[in-house]
Amino acid sequence: MTLTPATQQWLSAHARAALARALGLRGAVAEPGPPPDDAALRQPARVFVSWHVQGRLRGCIGTLAAHDALVDAVARYAVESGQHDPRMVPMTVDELVLASVEISVLGAPATLLDPGGAPVTGVDAIATCLRPHEHGVVLRLGARRAVFLPVVWESLPEPAAFLAALCRKAGIDPHGEGAQVQAELFEALRWDAPPLPATAPIARA
């Protein structure tokens, strides 16, 4: 999916407005204005929304299934990630002012196949196929599954370490069961928006 800078900027404000409403805030800061005339906003999309406060992750939730329109998915996962990430305590009003928001719109994940059309199996084989900083990865073994967005390469730049961490996230032993895992790869359009200006007015409803 291709998005103009204006649409990206509006979606970032839209995400913050959705979380602001969930936190009981009102006022001009919480409202992004009318959406751009962009048909992409109405297309079903795979979206992840992340919040960071002073460099610390405060929530990241999204979907690998394109069910909701982009505009609705961004609002939904802005609230889910800010209030319902099970790894975090919910964000507060004060944190919303300090938070940067990061949005990733994902392409469709595709099973990683060898030249003969069979799924590539095992972390070592998968590692040789990855393009760091470009590929997001869904790793799976039976019912266990975990996903890393392409941005995770910034903290885990080596494919072996990237996949080992993803195995652990899925509850898979990378040195044992890792020989049996398979992967789906995807790319993502990612952008972020900085915290609100220090002088921005915030009012509770």
N, C-alpha and C. Protein backbone atom coordinates (compact mmCIF):
# COMPACT_ATOMS: atom_id res chain seq x y z
N MET A 1 0.85 -1.20 0.00
CA MET A 1 0.00 0.00 0.00
C MET A 1 0.88 1.25 0.00
N THR A 2 0.56 2.19 -0.86
CA THR A 2 1.28 3.46 -0.93
C THR A 2 0.44 4.55 -0.27
N LEU A 3 1.07 5.34 0.60
CA LEU A 3 0.38 6.42 1.29
C LEU A 3 1.16 7.71 1.13
N THR A 4 0.44 8.78 0.88
CA THR A 4 1.09 10.08 0.75
C THR A 4 1.55 10.56 2.13
N PRO A 5 2.54 11.46 2.17
CA PRO A 5 2.95 12.04 3.46
C PRO A 5 1.79 12.68 4.22
N ALA A 6 0.87 13.30 3.47
CA ALA A 6 -0.28 13.93 4.14
C ALA A 6 -1.16 12.88 4.81
N THR A 7 -1.37 11.75 4.14
CA THR A 7 -2.18 10.69 4.73
C THR A 7 -1.48 10.09 5.95
N GLN A 8 -0.18 9.88 5.86
CA GLN A 8 0.57 9.36 7.00
C GLN A 8 0.46 10.31 8.20
N GLN A 9 0.63 11.59 7.93
CA GLN A 9 0.55 12.58 9.02
C GLN A 9 -0.84 12.57 9.65
N TRP A 10 -1.87 12.50 8.82
CA TRP A 10 -3.23 12.49 9.36
C TRP A 10 -3.48 11.23 10.18
N LEU A 11 -3.00 10.08 9.72
CA LEU A 11 -3.20 8.84 10.46
C LEU A 11 -2.48 8.87 11.81
N SER A 12 -1.33 9.49 11.88
CA SER A 12 -0.64 9.61 13.16
C SER A 12 -1.48 10.44 14.14
N ALA A 13 -2.04 11.55 13.65
CA ALA A 13 -2.90 12.37 14.50
C ALA A 13 -4.18 11.62 14.86
N HIS A 14 -4.70 10.85 13.93
CA HIS A 14 -5.90 10.04 14.14
C HIS A 14 -5.66 9.00 15.23
N ALA A 15 -4.49 8.38 15.21
CA ALA A 15 -4.14 7.39 16.24
C ALA A 15 -4.08 8.04 17.62
N ARG A 16 -3.45 9.20 17.70
CA ARG A 16 -3.35 9.89 18.99
C ARG A 16 -4.72 10.34 19.48
N ALA A 17 -5.57 10.78 18.55
CA ALA A 17 -6.91 11.21 18.93
C ALA A 17 -7.72 10.04 19.48
N ALA A 18 -7.57 8.87 18.87
CA ALA A 18 -8.32 7.70 19.34
C ALA A 18 -7.91 7.33 20.77
N LEU A 19 -6.61 7.34 21.03
CA LEU A 19 -6.16 7.02 22.38
C LEU A 19 -6.55 8.12 23.36
N ALA A 20 -6.51 9.38 22.90
CA ALA A 20 -6.92 10.48 23.76
C ALA A 20 -8.38 10.32 24.19
N ARG A 21 -9.25 9.94 23.25
CA ARG A 21 -10.65 9.75 23.61
C ARG A 21 -10.80 8.59 24.59
N ALA A 22 -10.03 7.54 24.40
CA ALA A 22 -10.09 6.40 25.33
C ALA A 22 -9.64 6.79 26.72
N LEU A 23 -8.76 7.80 26.80
CA LEU A 23 -8.26 8.28 28.09
C LEU A 23 -9.13 9.38 28.67
N GLY A 24 -10.21 9.75 27.98
CA GLY A 24 -11.12 10.76 28.50
C GLY A 24 -10.67 12.18 28.24
N LEU A 25 -9.91 12.41 27.17
CA LEU A 25 -9.43 13.75 26.85
C LEU A 25 -10.31 14.40 25.80
N ARG A 26 -10.29 15.69 25.76
CA ARG A 26 -11.01 16.43 24.73
C ARG A 26 -10.17 17.64 24.34
N GLY A 27 -10.61 18.33 23.28
CA GLY A 27 -9.91 19.54 22.87
C GLY A 27 -9.28 19.39 21.50
N ALA A 28 -8.80 20.47 20.96
CA ALA A 28 -8.27 20.50 19.61
C ALA A 28 -7.07 19.58 19.43
N VAL A 29 -6.27 19.41 20.45
CA VAL A 29 -5.09 18.56 20.34
C VAL A 29 -5.49 17.13 20.00
N ALA A 30 -6.63 16.70 20.48
CA ALA A 30 -7.05 15.32 20.30
C ALA A 30 -7.73 15.06 18.97
N GLU A 31 -7.99 16.10 18.16
CA GLU A 31 -8.74 15.91 16.93
C GLU A 31 -7.89 16.26 15.72
N PRO A 32 -7.79 15.35 14.73
CA PRO A 32 -6.90 15.58 13.58
C PRO A 32 -7.53 16.39 12.45
N GLY A 33 -8.81 16.70 12.52
CA GLY A 33 -9.46 17.36 11.41
C GLY A 33 -9.96 16.34 10.40
N PRO A 34 -10.59 16.82 9.32
CA PRO A 34 -11.15 15.89 8.33
C PRO A 34 -10.06 15.08 7.65
N PRO A 35 -10.36 13.84 7.26
CA PRO A 35 -9.34 13.00 6.61
C PRO A 35 -9.05 13.47 5.20
N PRO A 36 -7.85 13.15 4.69
CA PRO A 36 -7.56 13.45 3.29
C PRO A 36 -8.49 12.66 2.37
N ASP A 37 -8.64 13.13 1.17
CA ASP A 37 -9.42 12.42 0.16
C ASP A 37 -8.52 11.35 -0.45
N ASP A 38 -8.35 10.25 0.28
CA ASP A 38 -7.41 9.19 -0.09
C ASP A 38 -8.14 7.86 0.00
N ALA A 39 -8.32 7.19 -1.14
CA ALA A 39 -9.04 5.92 -1.15
C ALA A 39 -8.36 4.86 -0.30
N ALA A 40 -7.05 5.00 -0.06
CA ALA A 40 -6.33 4.00 0.74
C ALA A 40 -6.88 3.91 2.16
N LEU A 41 -7.44 4.99 2.66
CA LEU A 41 -7.98 4.97 4.02
C LEU A 41 -9.14 3.99 4.16
N ARG A 42 -9.80 3.69 3.05
CA ARG A 42 -10.96 2.81 3.09
C ARG A 42 -10.63 1.36 2.71
N GLN A 43 -9.39 1.10 2.39
CA GLN A 43 -8.99 -0.25 2.01
C GLN A 43 -8.67 -1.09 3.24
N PRO A 44 -9.03 -2.38 3.24
CA PRO A 44 -8.65 -3.26 4.36
C PRO A 44 -7.13 -3.29 4.50
N ALA A 45 -6.66 -3.28 5.75
CA ALA A 45 -5.22 -3.16 5.97
C ALA A 45 -4.77 -3.96 7.19
N ARG A 46 -3.52 -4.43 7.10
CA ARG A 46 -2.83 -5.06 8.23
C ARG A 46 -2.01 -3.97 8.91
N VAL A 47 -2.28 -3.71 10.17
CA VAL A 47 -1.72 -2.54 10.84
C VAL A 47 -1.17 -2.93 12.21
N PHE A 48 -0.01 -2.37 12.55
CA PHE A 48 0.49 -2.40 13.92
C PHE A 48 0.73 -0.96 14.37
N VAL A 49 0.34 -0.67 15.60
CA VAL A 49 0.58 0.65 16.19
C VAL A 49 1.41 0.46 17.45
N SER A 50 2.47 1.26 17.56
CA SER A 50 3.36 1.21 18.73
C SER A 50 3.44 2.60 19.36
N TRP A 51 3.51 2.61 20.67
CA TRP A 51 3.73 3.85 21.44
C TRP A 51 5.07 3.74 22.15
N HIS A 52 5.84 4.85 22.12
CA HIS A 52 7.11 4.93 22.85
C HIS A 52 7.10 6.20 23.69
N VAL A 53 7.55 6.08 24.92
CA VAL A 53 7.67 7.24 25.81
C VAL A 53 9.12 7.36 26.23
N GLN A 54 9.76 8.44 25.79
CA GLN A 54 11.17 8.69 26.08
C GLN A 54 12.03 7.47 25.74
N GLY A 55 11.77 6.91 24.56
CA GLY A 55 12.55 5.80 24.06
C GLY A 55 12.15 4.43 24.58
N ARG A 56 11.16 4.38 25.45
CA ARG A 56 10.74 3.10 26.04
C ARG A 56 9.41 2.66 25.43
N LEU A 57 9.36 1.40 24.99
CA LEU A 57 8.13 0.88 24.41
C LEU A 57 7.02 0.85 25.46
N ARG A 58 5.83 1.39 25.08
CA ARG A 58 4.70 1.41 26.00
C ARG A 58 3.51 0.62 25.46
N GLY A 59 3.71 -0.02 24.33
CA GLY A 59 2.64 -0.84 23.79
C GLY A 59 2.82 -1.05 22.30
N CYS A 60 2.51 -2.25 21.85
CA CYS A 60 2.55 -2.55 20.41
C CYS A 60 1.58 -3.69 20.14
N ILE A 61 0.54 -3.40 19.41
CA ILE A 61 -0.46 -4.41 19.05
C ILE A 61 -0.92 -4.12 17.62
N GLY A 62 -1.24 -5.18 16.90
CA GLY A 62 -1.74 -5.02 15.55
C GLY A 62 -2.33 -6.33 15.05
N THR A 63 -2.44 -6.42 13.73
CA THR A 63 -3.07 -7.58 13.12
C THR A 63 -2.36 -7.98 11.84
N LEU A 64 -2.32 -9.28 11.60
CA LEU A 64 -1.79 -9.81 10.35
C LEU A 64 -2.90 -10.09 9.34
N ALA A 65 -4.14 -9.82 9.73
CA ALA A 65 -5.29 -10.07 8.86
C ALA A 65 -5.91 -8.74 8.44
N ALA A 66 -6.14 -8.57 7.15
CA ALA A 66 -6.70 -7.32 6.64
C ALA A 66 -8.22 -7.39 6.64
N HIS A 67 -8.82 -7.09 7.79
CA HIS A 67 -10.27 -7.09 7.91
C HIS A 67 -10.84 -5.67 7.91
N ASP A 68 -10.31 -4.82 8.79
CA ASP A 68 -10.82 -3.46 8.93
C ASP A 68 -10.18 -2.52 7.91
N ALA A 69 -10.93 -1.47 7.55
CA ALA A 69 -10.36 -0.41 6.72
C ALA A 69 -9.19 0.23 7.46
N LEU A 70 -8.23 0.74 6.71
CA LEU A 70 -7.04 1.34 7.30
C LEU A 70 -7.38 2.36 8.37
N VAL A 71 -8.33 3.25 8.09
CA VAL A 71 -8.67 4.31 9.04
C VAL A 71 -9.19 3.71 10.34
N ASP A 72 -9.97 2.65 10.26
CA ASP A 72 -10.53 2.02 11.46
C ASP A 72 -9.48 1.19 12.19
N ALA A 73 -8.62 0.50 11.42
CA ALA A 73 -7.60 -0.34 12.04
C ALA A 73 -6.61 0.51 12.84
N VAL A 74 -6.23 1.66 12.32
CA VAL A 74 -5.29 2.52 13.04
C VAL A 74 -5.89 2.98 14.36
N ALA A 75 -7.15 3.41 14.34
CA ALA A 75 -7.79 3.85 15.58
C ALA A 75 -7.90 2.69 16.57
N ARG A 76 -8.32 1.54 16.08
CA ARG A 76 -8.50 0.37 16.96
C ARG A 76 -7.21 -0.03 17.65
N TYR A 77 -6.13 -0.13 16.88
CA TYR A 77 -4.89 -0.64 17.47
C TYR A 77 -4.10 0.44 18.19
N ALA A 78 -4.40 1.70 17.92
CA ALA A 78 -3.85 2.76 18.76
C ALA A 78 -4.34 2.62 20.19
N VAL A 79 -5.63 2.33 20.33
CA VAL A 79 -6.20 2.14 21.67
C VAL A 79 -5.75 0.82 22.28
N GLU A 80 -5.77 -0.25 21.48
CA GLU A 80 -5.37 -1.56 22.00
C GLU A 80 -3.94 -1.53 22.51
N SER A 81 -3.04 -0.94 21.73
CA SER A 81 -1.64 -0.94 22.13
C SER A 81 -1.38 -0.03 23.32
N GLY A 82 -2.12 1.08 23.40
CA GLY A 82 -1.92 2.00 24.50
C GLY A 82 -2.59 1.60 25.80
N GLN A 83 -3.63 0.76 25.71
CA GLN A 83 -4.40 0.43 26.90
C GLN A 83 -4.46 -1.06 27.22
N HIS A 84 -4.19 -1.93 26.24
CA HIS A 84 -4.47 -3.35 26.46
C HIS A 84 -3.34 -4.28 26.07
N ASP A 85 -2.13 -3.77 25.89
CA ASP A 85 -0.99 -4.65 25.66
C ASP A 85 -0.75 -5.43 26.96
N PRO A 86 -0.87 -6.75 26.94
CA PRO A 86 -0.77 -7.51 28.19
C PRO A 86 0.60 -7.46 28.84
N ARG A 87 1.60 -7.00 28.12
CA ARG A 87 2.96 -6.90 28.69
C ARG A 87 3.16 -5.61 29.47
N MET A 88 2.23 -4.66 29.37
CA MET A 88 2.42 -3.31 29.89
C MET A 88 1.24 -2.91 30.78
N VAL A 89 1.50 -1.95 31.67
CA VAL A 89 0.39 -1.29 32.33
C VAL A 89 -0.16 -0.25 31.36
N PRO A 90 -1.46 0.08 31.43
CA PRO A 90 -2.04 1.04 30.49
C PRO A 90 -1.34 2.39 30.54
N MET A 91 -1.27 3.05 29.40
CA MET A 91 -0.69 4.38 29.35
C MET A 91 -1.57 5.37 30.10
N THR A 92 -0.95 6.42 30.59
CA THR A 92 -1.66 7.46 31.32
C THR A 92 -1.82 8.71 30.45
N VAL A 93 -2.62 9.66 30.94
CA VAL A 93 -2.80 10.93 30.24
C VAL A 93 -1.46 11.64 30.08
N ASP A 94 -0.68 11.68 31.14
CA ASP A 94 0.61 12.38 31.06
C ASP A 94 1.53 11.73 30.04
N GLU A 95 1.47 10.42 29.92
CA GLU A 95 2.32 9.73 28.95
C GLU A 95 1.91 10.04 27.52
N LEU A 96 0.63 10.27 27.28
CA LEU A 96 0.17 10.57 25.93
C LEU A 96 0.87 11.80 25.38
N VAL A 97 1.09 12.80 26.22
CA VAL A 97 1.77 14.02 25.80
C VAL A 97 3.21 13.72 25.41
N LEU A 98 3.84 12.80 26.13
CA LEU A 98 5.25 12.49 25.92
C LEU A 98 5.49 11.42 24.86
N ALA A 99 4.43 10.76 24.41
CA ALA A 99 4.57 9.57 23.57
C ALA A 99 4.75 9.92 22.10
N SER A 100 5.63 9.18 21.45
CA SER A 100 5.67 9.15 19.99
C SER A 100 4.86 7.95 19.52
N VAL A 101 4.27 8.06 18.35
CA VAL A 101 3.46 6.97 17.82
C VAL A 101 4.09 6.48 16.53
N GLU A 102 4.16 5.17 16.40
CA GLU A 102 4.74 4.53 15.22
C GLU A 102 3.68 3.63 14.59
N ILE A 103 3.50 3.78 13.30
CA ILE A 103 2.48 2.99 12.58
C ILE A 103 3.17 2.20 11.47
N SER A 104 2.83 0.94 11.39
CA SER A 104 3.33 0.07 10.32
C SER A 104 2.14 -0.52 9.58
N VAL A 105 2.14 -0.37 8.27
CA VAL A 105 1.12 -0.98 7.41
C VAL A 105 1.82 -2.11 6.66
N LEU A 106 1.34 -3.33 6.88
CA LEU A 106 2.04 -4.51 6.43
C LEU A 106 1.53 -5.00 5.08
N GLY A 107 2.45 -5.54 4.29
CA GLY A 107 2.06 -6.31 3.14
C GLY A 107 1.60 -7.69 3.57
N ALA A 108 1.02 -8.44 2.66
CA ALA A 108 0.51 -9.78 2.99
C ALA A 108 1.69 -10.73 3.26
N PRO A 109 1.70 -11.42 4.40
CA PRO A 109 2.75 -12.40 4.66
C PRO A 109 2.68 -13.55 3.66
N ALA A 110 3.85 -14.00 3.18
CA ALA A 110 3.92 -15.10 2.22
C ALA A 110 4.86 -16.16 2.78
N THR A 111 4.46 -17.42 2.70
CA THR A 111 5.29 -18.52 3.19
C THR A 111 6.62 -18.53 2.44
N LEU A 112 7.70 -18.65 3.19
CA LEU A 112 9.04 -18.72 2.61
C LEU A 112 9.24 -20.10 1.99
N LEU A 113 9.47 -20.12 0.67
CA LEU A 113 9.59 -21.37 -0.07
C LEU A 113 10.98 -21.50 -0.68
N ASP A 114 11.42 -22.76 -0.82
CA ASP A 114 12.68 -23.00 -1.52
C ASP A 114 12.43 -23.01 -3.03
N PRO A 115 13.49 -23.12 -3.86
CA PRO A 115 13.29 -23.08 -5.31
C PRO A 115 12.35 -24.15 -5.85
N GLY A 116 12.20 -25.26 -5.11
CA GLY A 116 11.29 -26.31 -5.54
C GLY A 116 9.86 -26.11 -5.10
N GLY A 117 9.61 -25.04 -4.36
CA GLY A 117 8.25 -24.74 -3.93
C GLY A 117 7.87 -25.32 -2.59
N ALA A 118 8.83 -25.92 -1.88
CA ALA A 118 8.57 -26.47 -0.55
C ALA A 118 8.91 -25.44 0.51
N PRO A 119 8.19 -25.43 1.65
CA PRO A 119 8.52 -24.48 2.72
C PRO A 119 9.94 -24.65 3.22
N VAL A 120 10.64 -23.54 3.39
CA VAL A 120 11.97 -23.57 4.01
C VAL A 120 11.80 -23.86 5.49
N THR A 121 12.56 -24.81 6.01
CA THR A 121 12.39 -25.26 7.39
C THR A 121 13.70 -25.12 8.15
N GLY A 122 13.59 -24.59 9.39
CA GLY A 122 14.74 -24.48 10.28
C GLY A 122 15.31 -23.07 10.30
N VAL A 123 15.71 -22.63 11.49
CA VAL A 123 16.19 -21.24 11.63
C VAL A 123 17.44 -20.97 10.81
N ASP A 124 18.32 -21.96 10.67
CA ASP A 124 19.54 -21.73 9.90
C ASP A 124 19.22 -21.47 8.42
N ALA A 125 18.33 -22.28 7.87
CA ALA A 125 17.96 -22.10 6.47
C ALA A 125 17.18 -20.80 6.27
N ILE A 126 16.28 -20.49 7.20
CA ILE A 126 15.51 -19.26 7.10
C ILE A 126 16.43 -18.04 7.15
N ALA A 127 17.44 -18.09 8.03
CA ALA A 127 18.33 -16.95 8.21
C ALA A 127 19.02 -16.54 6.91
N THR A 128 19.36 -17.54 6.07
CA THR A 128 20.06 -17.23 4.82
C THR A 128 19.16 -16.53 3.81
N CYS A 129 17.86 -16.56 4.02
CA CYS A 129 16.90 -15.98 3.07
C CYS A 129 16.44 -14.58 3.46
N LEU A 130 16.81 -14.12 4.65
CA LEU A 130 16.27 -12.86 5.15
C LEU A 130 17.04 -11.66 4.63
N ARG A 131 16.32 -10.57 4.39
CA ARG A 131 16.93 -9.29 4.08
C ARG A 131 16.75 -8.38 5.29
N PRO A 132 17.82 -8.22 6.09
CA PRO A 132 17.70 -7.38 7.30
C PRO A 132 17.19 -5.98 6.96
N HIS A 133 16.34 -5.47 7.87
CA HIS A 133 15.74 -4.14 7.77
C HIS A 133 14.65 -4.06 6.70
N GLU A 134 14.44 -5.11 5.93
CA GLU A 134 13.36 -5.12 4.94
C GLU A 134 12.28 -6.13 5.30
N HIS A 135 12.67 -7.32 5.70
CA HIS A 135 11.69 -8.37 5.97
C HIS A 135 11.16 -8.32 7.40
N GLY A 136 9.85 -8.35 7.54
CA GLY A 136 9.24 -8.77 8.78
C GLY A 136 9.05 -10.27 8.71
N VAL A 137 8.99 -10.92 9.87
CA VAL A 137 8.96 -12.38 9.89
C VAL A 137 7.86 -12.86 10.84
N VAL A 138 7.06 -13.81 10.35
CA VAL A 138 6.15 -14.58 11.19
C VAL A 138 6.76 -15.97 11.28
N LEU A 139 7.15 -16.37 12.49
CA LEU A 139 7.74 -17.69 12.71
C LEU A 139 6.69 -18.58 13.34
N ARG A 140 6.60 -19.83 12.86
CA ARG A 140 5.54 -20.70 13.38
C ARG A 140 6.01 -22.14 13.48
N LEU A 141 5.45 -22.80 14.47
CA LEU A 141 5.65 -24.23 14.68
C LEU A 141 4.37 -24.76 15.31
N GLY A 142 3.60 -25.52 14.54
CA GLY A 142 2.30 -25.97 15.04
C GLY A 142 1.42 -24.77 15.33
N ALA A 143 0.85 -24.73 16.54
CA ALA A 143 -0.04 -23.64 16.93
C ALA A 143 0.72 -22.43 17.47
N ARG A 144 2.02 -22.57 17.67
CA ARG A 144 2.81 -21.47 18.21
C ARG A 144 3.28 -20.55 17.09
N ARG A 145 3.16 -19.26 17.31
CA ARG A 145 3.48 -18.28 16.29
C ARG A 145 3.90 -16.98 16.95
N ALA A 146 4.84 -16.28 16.34
CA ALA A 146 5.24 -14.97 16.81
C ALA A 146 5.71 -14.15 15.61
N VAL A 147 5.60 -12.82 15.76
CA VAL A 147 5.94 -11.93 14.65
C VAL A 147 6.90 -10.84 15.13
N PHE A 148 7.86 -10.52 14.28
CA PHE A 148 8.70 -9.33 14.44
C PHE A 148 8.50 -8.44 13.23
N LEU A 149 8.25 -7.15 13.46
CA LEU A 149 8.18 -6.18 12.39
C LEU A 149 9.59 -5.86 11.90
N PRO A 150 9.73 -5.32 10.69
CA PRO A 150 11.07 -4.98 10.20
C PRO A 150 11.85 -4.05 11.11
N VAL A 151 11.16 -3.20 11.88
CA VAL A 151 11.86 -2.26 12.76
C VAL A 151 12.69 -2.98 13.82
N VAL A 152 12.38 -4.23 14.14
CA VAL A 152 13.12 -4.97 15.16
C VAL A 152 14.57 -5.20 14.73
N TRP A 153 14.84 -5.16 13.42
CA TRP A 153 16.23 -5.29 12.97
C TRP A 153 17.13 -4.21 13.57
N GLU A 154 16.56 -3.08 13.95
CA GLU A 154 17.38 -2.01 14.51
C GLU A 154 18.04 -2.42 15.82
N SER A 155 17.39 -3.30 16.59
CA SER A 155 17.98 -3.77 17.84
C SER A 155 18.57 -5.17 17.72
N LEU A 156 18.20 -5.92 16.67
CA LEU A 156 18.73 -7.27 16.45
C LEU A 156 19.16 -7.37 14.99
N PRO A 157 20.32 -6.81 14.63
CA PRO A 157 20.68 -6.70 13.22
C PRO A 157 21.20 -7.98 12.57
N GLU A 158 21.53 -8.99 13.37
CA GLU A 158 22.03 -10.24 12.81
C GLU A 158 20.90 -11.25 12.67
N PRO A 159 20.76 -11.89 11.49
CA PRO A 159 19.65 -12.83 11.29
C PRO A 159 19.57 -13.93 12.33
N ALA A 160 20.69 -14.48 12.75
CA ALA A 160 20.65 -15.57 13.73
C ALA A 160 20.08 -15.09 15.06
N ALA A 161 20.52 -13.93 15.52
CA ALA A 161 20.00 -13.38 16.78
C ALA A 161 18.55 -12.97 16.64
N PHE A 162 18.19 -12.41 15.50
CA PHE A 162 16.81 -12.00 15.22
C PHE A 162 15.88 -13.20 15.33
N LEU A 163 16.26 -14.31 14.69
CA LEU A 163 15.40 -15.50 14.69
C LEU A 163 15.40 -16.19 16.04
N ALA A 164 16.53 -16.18 16.74
CA ALA A 164 16.56 -16.79 18.07
C ALA A 164 15.62 -16.06 19.02
N ALA A 165 15.63 -14.73 18.95
CA ALA A 165 14.73 -13.95 19.81
C ALA A 165 13.28 -14.18 19.42
N LEU A 166 13.01 -14.33 18.13
CA LEU A 166 11.64 -14.56 17.68
C LEU A 166 11.16 -15.95 18.11
N CYS A 167 12.06 -16.93 18.07
CA CYS A 167 11.72 -18.26 18.60
C CYS A 167 11.32 -18.17 20.06
N ARG A 168 12.11 -17.47 20.84
CA ARG A 168 11.81 -17.36 22.28
C ARG A 168 10.48 -16.65 22.51
N LYS A 169 10.19 -15.65 21.69
CA LYS A 169 8.90 -14.95 21.80
C LYS A 169 7.75 -15.91 21.57
N ALA A 170 7.94 -16.88 20.65
CA ALA A 170 6.89 -17.86 20.33
C ALA A 170 6.87 -19.04 21.30
N GLY A 171 7.81 -19.07 22.25
CA GLY A 171 7.88 -20.21 23.16
C GLY A 171 8.52 -21.43 22.51
N ILE A 172 9.43 -21.19 21.59
CA ILE A 172 10.11 -22.26 20.86
C ILE A 172 11.58 -22.26 21.26
N ASP A 173 12.13 -23.43 21.53
CA ASP A 173 13.55 -23.56 21.82
C ASP A 173 14.33 -23.40 20.51
N PRO A 174 15.10 -22.31 20.34
CA PRO A 174 15.76 -22.10 19.05
C PRO A 174 16.84 -23.13 18.75
N HIS A 175 17.36 -23.80 19.77
CA HIS A 175 18.44 -24.77 19.56
C HIS A 175 17.93 -26.19 19.41
N GLY A 176 16.65 -26.41 19.62
CA GLY A 176 16.07 -27.74 19.47
C GLY A 176 14.96 -27.71 18.45
N GLU A 177 13.82 -27.20 18.89
CA GLU A 177 12.66 -27.11 17.99
C GLU A 177 12.89 -26.15 16.82
N GLY A 178 13.90 -25.27 16.97
CA GLY A 178 14.17 -24.30 15.90
C GLY A 178 14.47 -24.95 14.57
N ALA A 179 14.89 -26.20 14.59
CA ALA A 179 15.17 -26.92 13.34
C ALA A 179 13.89 -27.26 12.58
N GLN A 180 12.73 -27.10 13.21
CA GLN A 180 11.47 -27.49 12.59
C GLN A 180 10.58 -26.30 12.21
N VAL A 181 10.98 -25.09 12.56
CA VAL A 181 10.11 -23.94 12.33
C VAL A 181 10.06 -23.57 10.85
N GLN A 182 8.98 -22.93 10.49
CA GLN A 182 8.83 -22.36 9.16
C GLN A 182 8.48 -20.88 9.31
N ALA A 183 8.53 -20.16 8.21
CA ALA A 183 8.39 -18.70 8.29
C ALA A 183 7.53 -18.15 7.17
N GLU A 184 6.88 -17.04 7.49
CA GLU A 184 6.24 -16.19 6.49
C GLU A 184 6.94 -14.84 6.53
N LEU A 185 7.15 -14.26 5.37
CA LEU A 185 7.84 -12.97 5.28
C LEU A 185 6.90 -11.91 4.74
N PHE A 186 7.14 -10.67 5.17
CA PHE A 186 6.35 -9.55 4.67
C PHE A 186 7.22 -8.30 4.72
N GLU A 187 6.79 -7.29 4.02
CA GLU A 187 7.41 -5.97 4.11
C GLU A 187 6.39 -5.01 4.70
N ALA A 188 6.87 -3.85 5.13
CA ALA A 188 5.96 -2.92 5.80
C ALA A 188 6.32 -1.47 5.46
N LEU A 189 5.30 -0.66 5.34
CA LEU A 189 5.47 0.79 5.27
C LEU A 189 5.37 1.31 6.70
N ARG A 190 6.41 1.98 7.16
CA ARG A 190 6.47 2.41 8.56
C ARG A 190 6.81 3.90 8.63
N TRP A 191 6.15 4.57 9.56
CA TRP A 191 6.50 5.96 9.85
C TRP A 191 6.17 6.23 11.31
N ASP A 192 6.68 7.34 11.82
CA ASP A 192 6.36 7.70 13.20
C ASP A 192 6.13 9.20 13.30
N ALA A 193 5.55 9.59 14.43
CA ALA A 193 5.28 10.99 14.70
C ALA A 193 5.77 11.29 16.11
N PRO A 194 6.38 12.45 16.30
CA PRO A 194 6.99 12.77 17.60
C PRO A 194 5.94 13.08 18.66
N PRO A 195 6.39 13.24 19.91
CA PRO A 195 5.47 13.65 20.98
C PRO A 195 4.83 15.00 20.69
N LEU A 196 3.77 15.31 21.42
CA LEU A 196 3.14 16.62 21.29
C LEU A 196 4.10 17.70 21.76
N PRO A 197 3.97 18.92 21.21
CA PRO A 197 4.79 20.03 21.71
C PRO A 197 4.56 20.25 23.19
N ALA A 198 5.58 20.69 23.88
CA ALA A 198 5.47 20.88 25.33
C ALA A 198 4.38 21.85 25.73
N THR A 199 4.04 22.76 24.81
CA THR A 199 3.02 23.79 25.12
C THR A 199 1.61 23.35 24.73
N ALA A 200 1.47 22.13 24.18
CA ALA A 200 0.15 21.71 23.72
C ALA A 200 -0.82 21.62 24.88
N PRO A 201 -2.03 22.20 24.75
CA PRO A 201 -3.02 22.14 25.82
C PRO A 201 -3.67 20.76 25.89
N ILE A 202 -3.85 20.25 27.07
CA ILE A 202 -4.52 18.97 27.29
C ILE A 202 -5.63 19.21 28.31
N ALA A 203 -6.83 18.78 27.99
CA ALA A 203 -7.96 18.93 28.91
C ALA A 203 -8.69 17.62 29.05
N ARG A 204 -9.11 17.32 30.26
CA ARG A 204 -9.88 16.10 30.51
C ARG A 204 -11.37 16.38 30.29
N ALA A 205 -12.05 15.38 29.73
CA ALA A 205 -13.48 15.53 29.52
C ALA A 205 -14.22 15.58 30.83
